[in-house]
Protein backbone atom coordinates (compact mmCIF):
# COMPACT_ATOMS: atom_id res chain seq x y z
CA MET A 1 -38.54 11.71 -32.01
CA SER A 2 -41.96 11.10 -30.61
CA ALA A 3 -45.09 12.72 -31.93
CA THR A 4 -46.82 12.25 -28.58
CA HIS A 5 -44.30 14.21 -26.50
CA PRO A 6 -42.60 16.77 -28.78
CA HIS A 7 -42.57 19.32 -25.95
CA TYR A 8 -39.55 17.52 -24.45
CA LEU A 9 -37.47 18.37 -27.49
CA ASP A 10 -38.98 21.84 -27.79
CA SER A 11 -38.25 22.52 -24.12
CA ALA A 12 -34.56 21.66 -24.49
CA SER A 13 -33.65 25.31 -25.04
CA ARG A 14 -35.47 26.34 -21.87
CA TRP A 15 -34.16 23.45 -19.76
CA PHE A 16 -30.56 23.36 -21.01
CA GLY A 17 -30.10 26.85 -22.41
CA ARG A 18 -29.35 25.43 -25.89
CA ARG A 19 -31.36 24.12 -28.81
CA PHE A 20 -31.77 20.34 -29.09
CA ALA A 21 -29.40 20.20 -32.08
CA ASP A 22 -26.69 22.01 -30.09
CA LEU A 23 -26.68 19.52 -27.19
CA ASP A 24 -23.98 16.86 -26.89
CA HIS A 25 -24.74 13.34 -28.10
CA SER A 26 -25.41 11.86 -24.65
CA THR A 27 -27.80 14.65 -23.65
CA ARG A 28 -29.67 14.42 -26.99
CA ARG A 29 -29.92 10.65 -26.56
CA ALA A 30 -31.29 10.96 -23.01
CA LEU A 31 -33.75 13.66 -24.08
CA SER A 32 -34.94 11.57 -27.03
CA HIS A 33 -35.43 8.55 -24.77
CA ALA A 34 -37.44 10.68 -22.35
CA ALA A 35 -39.55 12.09 -25.20
CA GLU A 36 -40.25 8.60 -26.51
CA ARG A 37 -40.93 7.23 -23.01
CA ARG A 38 -38.20 4.61 -23.48
CA ALA A 39 -35.66 3.40 -20.97
CA ILE A 40 -32.00 4.14 -21.56
CA ALA A 41 -30.22 1.10 -23.02
CA THR A 42 -28.97 -1.54 -20.61
CA ALA A 43 -25.88 -0.71 -18.61
CA PRO A 44 -22.59 -1.54 -20.31
CA ALA A 45 -21.65 -3.76 -17.36
CA THR A 46 -24.63 -6.02 -18.13
CA GLN A 47 -24.05 -6.17 -21.86
CA GLN A 48 -22.27 -9.13 -23.38
CA ASP A 49 -18.56 -8.42 -23.01
CA VAL A 50 -16.95 -9.06 -26.37
CA ALA A 51 -13.27 -9.53 -25.64
CA SER A 52 -10.56 -11.23 -27.65
CA PHE A 53 -8.62 -14.17 -26.26
CA GLY A 54 -5.66 -11.90 -25.50
CA GLU A 55 -7.85 -9.40 -23.65
CA ARG A 56 -9.43 -12.14 -21.55
CA MET A 57 -5.98 -13.53 -20.75
CA ALA A 58 -4.73 -10.07 -19.81
CA ASP A 59 -7.67 -9.68 -17.43
CA ARG A 60 -6.96 -13.07 -15.84
CA VAL A 61 -3.23 -12.37 -15.47
CA ALA A 62 -3.94 -8.95 -13.97
CA ARG A 63 -6.56 -10.39 -11.61
CA PHE A 64 -4.18 -13.14 -10.43
CA GLY A 65 -1.09 -10.88 -10.41
CA GLY A 66 -2.87 -8.45 -8.11
CA SER A 67 -4.06 -11.02 -5.59
CA TRP A 68 -2.83 -12.20 -2.21
CA ALA A 69 -2.63 -15.72 -3.65
CA PHE A 70 -0.01 -14.53 -6.16
CA ILE A 71 1.93 -12.71 -3.46
CA GLY A 72 1.86 -15.77 -1.20
CA LEU A 73 2.87 -18.19 -3.96
CA PHE A 74 5.59 -15.86 -5.20
CA ALA A 75 6.96 -15.39 -1.67
CA LEU A 76 7.08 -19.19 -1.28
CA PHE A 77 8.83 -19.52 -4.65
CA LEU A 78 11.44 -16.91 -3.71
CA ALA A 79 12.01 -18.44 -0.27
CA GLY A 80 12.31 -21.93 -1.79
CA TRP A 81 14.73 -20.70 -4.48
CA SER A 82 16.87 -18.93 -1.91
CA LEU A 83 16.81 -21.82 0.55
CA LEU A 84 17.61 -24.42 -2.10
CA ASN A 85 20.50 -22.44 -3.57
CA THR A 86 21.84 -21.55 -0.14
CA GLN A 87 21.62 -25.02 1.43
CA LEU A 88 23.07 -26.97 -1.51
CA PRO A 89 26.85 -27.10 -1.77
CA ARG A 90 28.15 -24.31 -4.02
CA ALA A 91 29.09 -26.80 -6.75
CA LEU A 92 25.53 -28.25 -6.90
CA ALA A 93 23.59 -24.98 -6.57
CA PHE A 94 22.16 -23.98 -9.97
CA ASP A 95 21.98 -20.27 -8.97
CA PRO A 96 24.29 -19.54 -6.04
CA TYR A 97 24.17 -16.28 -4.13
CA PRO A 98 23.75 -13.42 -5.42
CA TYR A 99 21.06 -15.28 -7.46
CA ILE A 100 21.85 -13.78 -10.86
CA PHE A 101 19.55 -16.22 -12.69
CA LEU A 102 16.72 -15.37 -10.30
CA ASN A 103 17.26 -11.66 -11.05
CA LEU A 104 17.03 -12.43 -14.76
CA ILE A 105 13.77 -14.37 -14.26
CA LEU A 106 12.30 -11.59 -12.11
CA SER A 107 13.26 -8.94 -14.68
CA MET A 108 11.66 -10.93 -17.51
CA LEU A 109 8.55 -11.54 -15.41
CA ALA A 110 8.25 -7.81 -14.64
CA ALA A 111 8.87 -6.92 -18.31
CA LEU A 112 6.00 -9.19 -19.37
CA GLN A 113 3.63 -8.62 -16.49
CA ALA A 114 3.65 -4.80 -16.63
CA PRO A 115 2.27 -4.43 -20.19
CA ILE A 116 -0.26 -7.22 -19.60
CA ILE A 117 -1.55 -5.43 -16.50
CA MET A 118 -1.63 -2.14 -18.42
CA MET A 119 -3.74 -3.78 -21.17
CA SER A 120 -6.19 -4.96 -18.54
CA GLN A 121 -6.26 -1.51 -16.94
CA ASN A 122 -6.93 0.10 -20.32
CA ARG A 123 -9.88 -2.26 -20.86
CA GLN A 124 -11.18 -1.44 -17.38
CA ALA A 125 -10.78 2.29 -18.07
CA ALA A 126 -12.81 1.89 -21.28
CA LYS A 127 -15.53 0.05 -19.33
CA ASP A 128 -15.49 2.80 -16.69
CA ARG A 129 -15.87 5.48 -19.38
CA GLN A 130 -18.87 3.62 -20.81
CA MET A 131 -20.42 3.37 -17.33
CA ALA A 132 -19.84 7.10 -16.77
CA ILE A 133 -21.60 7.90 -20.07
CA TYR A 134 -24.45 5.59 -19.13
CA ASP A 135 -24.73 7.17 -15.66
CA TYR A 136 -24.73 10.64 -17.20
CA GLU A 137 -27.50 9.71 -19.64
CA VAL A 138 -29.61 8.19 -16.88
CA ASN A 139 -29.11 11.32 -14.73
CA VAL A 140 -30.00 13.64 -17.62
CA LYS A 141 -33.11 11.59 -18.39
CA ALA A 142 -34.16 11.72 -14.72
CA GLU A 143 -33.56 15.47 -14.70
CA VAL A 144 -35.62 15.88 -17.89
CA GLU A 145 -38.46 13.83 -16.42
CA ILE A 146 -38.44 15.97 -13.27
CA MET A 147 -38.45 19.19 -15.30
CA ALA A 148 -41.29 17.83 -17.45
CA LEU A 149 -43.25 16.97 -14.29
CA HIS A 150 -42.70 20.51 -13.03
CA ASP A 151 -43.99 21.84 -16.35
CA LYS A 152 -47.05 19.58 -16.13
CA LEU A 153 -47.75 20.65 -12.54
CA ASP A 154 -47.37 24.31 -13.52
CA ALA A 155 -49.78 23.79 -16.45
CA LEU A 156 -52.28 22.01 -14.19
CA ARG A 157 -51.99 24.77 -11.59
CA SER A 158 -52.53 27.46 -14.26
CA GLU A 159 -55.47 25.54 -15.67
CA HIS A 160 -56.96 25.11 -12.20
CA LEU A 161 -56.51 28.84 -11.46
CA LEU A 162 -58.18 29.71 -14.77
CA VAL A 163 -61.16 27.48 -13.90
CA LEU A 164 -61.37 29.07 -10.44
CA LEU A 165 -61.27 32.55 -11.95
CA GLN A 166 -64.00 31.62 -14.44
CA GLN A 167 -66.14 30.22 -11.62
CA GLN A 168 -65.51 33.34 -9.57
CA GLN A 169 -66.47 35.54 -12.53
CA ALA A 170 -69.66 33.50 -13.04
CA GLN A 171 -70.51 33.89 -9.32
CA ILE A 172 -69.92 37.65 -9.49
CA GLU A 173 -72.17 37.91 -12.54
CA LEU A 174 -74.85 35.83 -10.80
CA LEU A 175 -74.63 38.01 -7.65
CA THR A 176 -74.79 41.14 -9.81
CA ARG A 177 -77.96 39.84 -11.53
CA LEU A 178 -79.48 38.86 -8.17
CA VAL A 179 -78.76 42.27 -6.70
CA ALA A 180 -80.19 43.99 -9.79
CA ALA A 181 -83.33 41.82 -9.65
CA GLN A 182 -83.99 42.67 -5.97
CA PRO A 183 -86.71 45.29 -5.48
CA PRO A 184 -85.40 48.42 -3.84
CA ALA A 185 -85.64 48.36 -0.08
CA PRO A 186 -88.38 50.62 1.38
CA ALA A 187 -87.10 53.85 2.74
CA ALA A 188 -87.15 54.17 6.51
CA ASP A 189 -89.21 57.13 7.86
């Protein structure tokens, strides 16, 4: 909490309809940062990504497995497998039609690739949640700053009106004294 701008925290009930202590963690954090005139922490996407070897490998496999390069290479592999096992004499073909060994390889590949891709998606979902929290905090802080500016403008306007009213009152008093000091006008005959 900042001693220089405690009105931010005091104004929480007016701005958010709840006391500061009753706000959720992200809103309290954004409000505290605004009160202390500090920027919200760096975006999660720019922070050092601390991932285990397995997580990094899952990301790489998912990135490659979801690319056109993978599709192209896999299509070439399947076409080559089919062509080789179809063109060779049946006695020399290592996996003749209906390609039972190929089906086994594809099933094992799918059984391994699916959980690896899901691990990568879970990591991406966690990153997305962190970015959403960060975005929310930045938005709340911007909102708080705008509301604080409105409060400051309202205070300045009230102060300015008070000064104008005091000046007007002083002018009225001066005019009243001037009128009282004037000798009475001669009566017309």
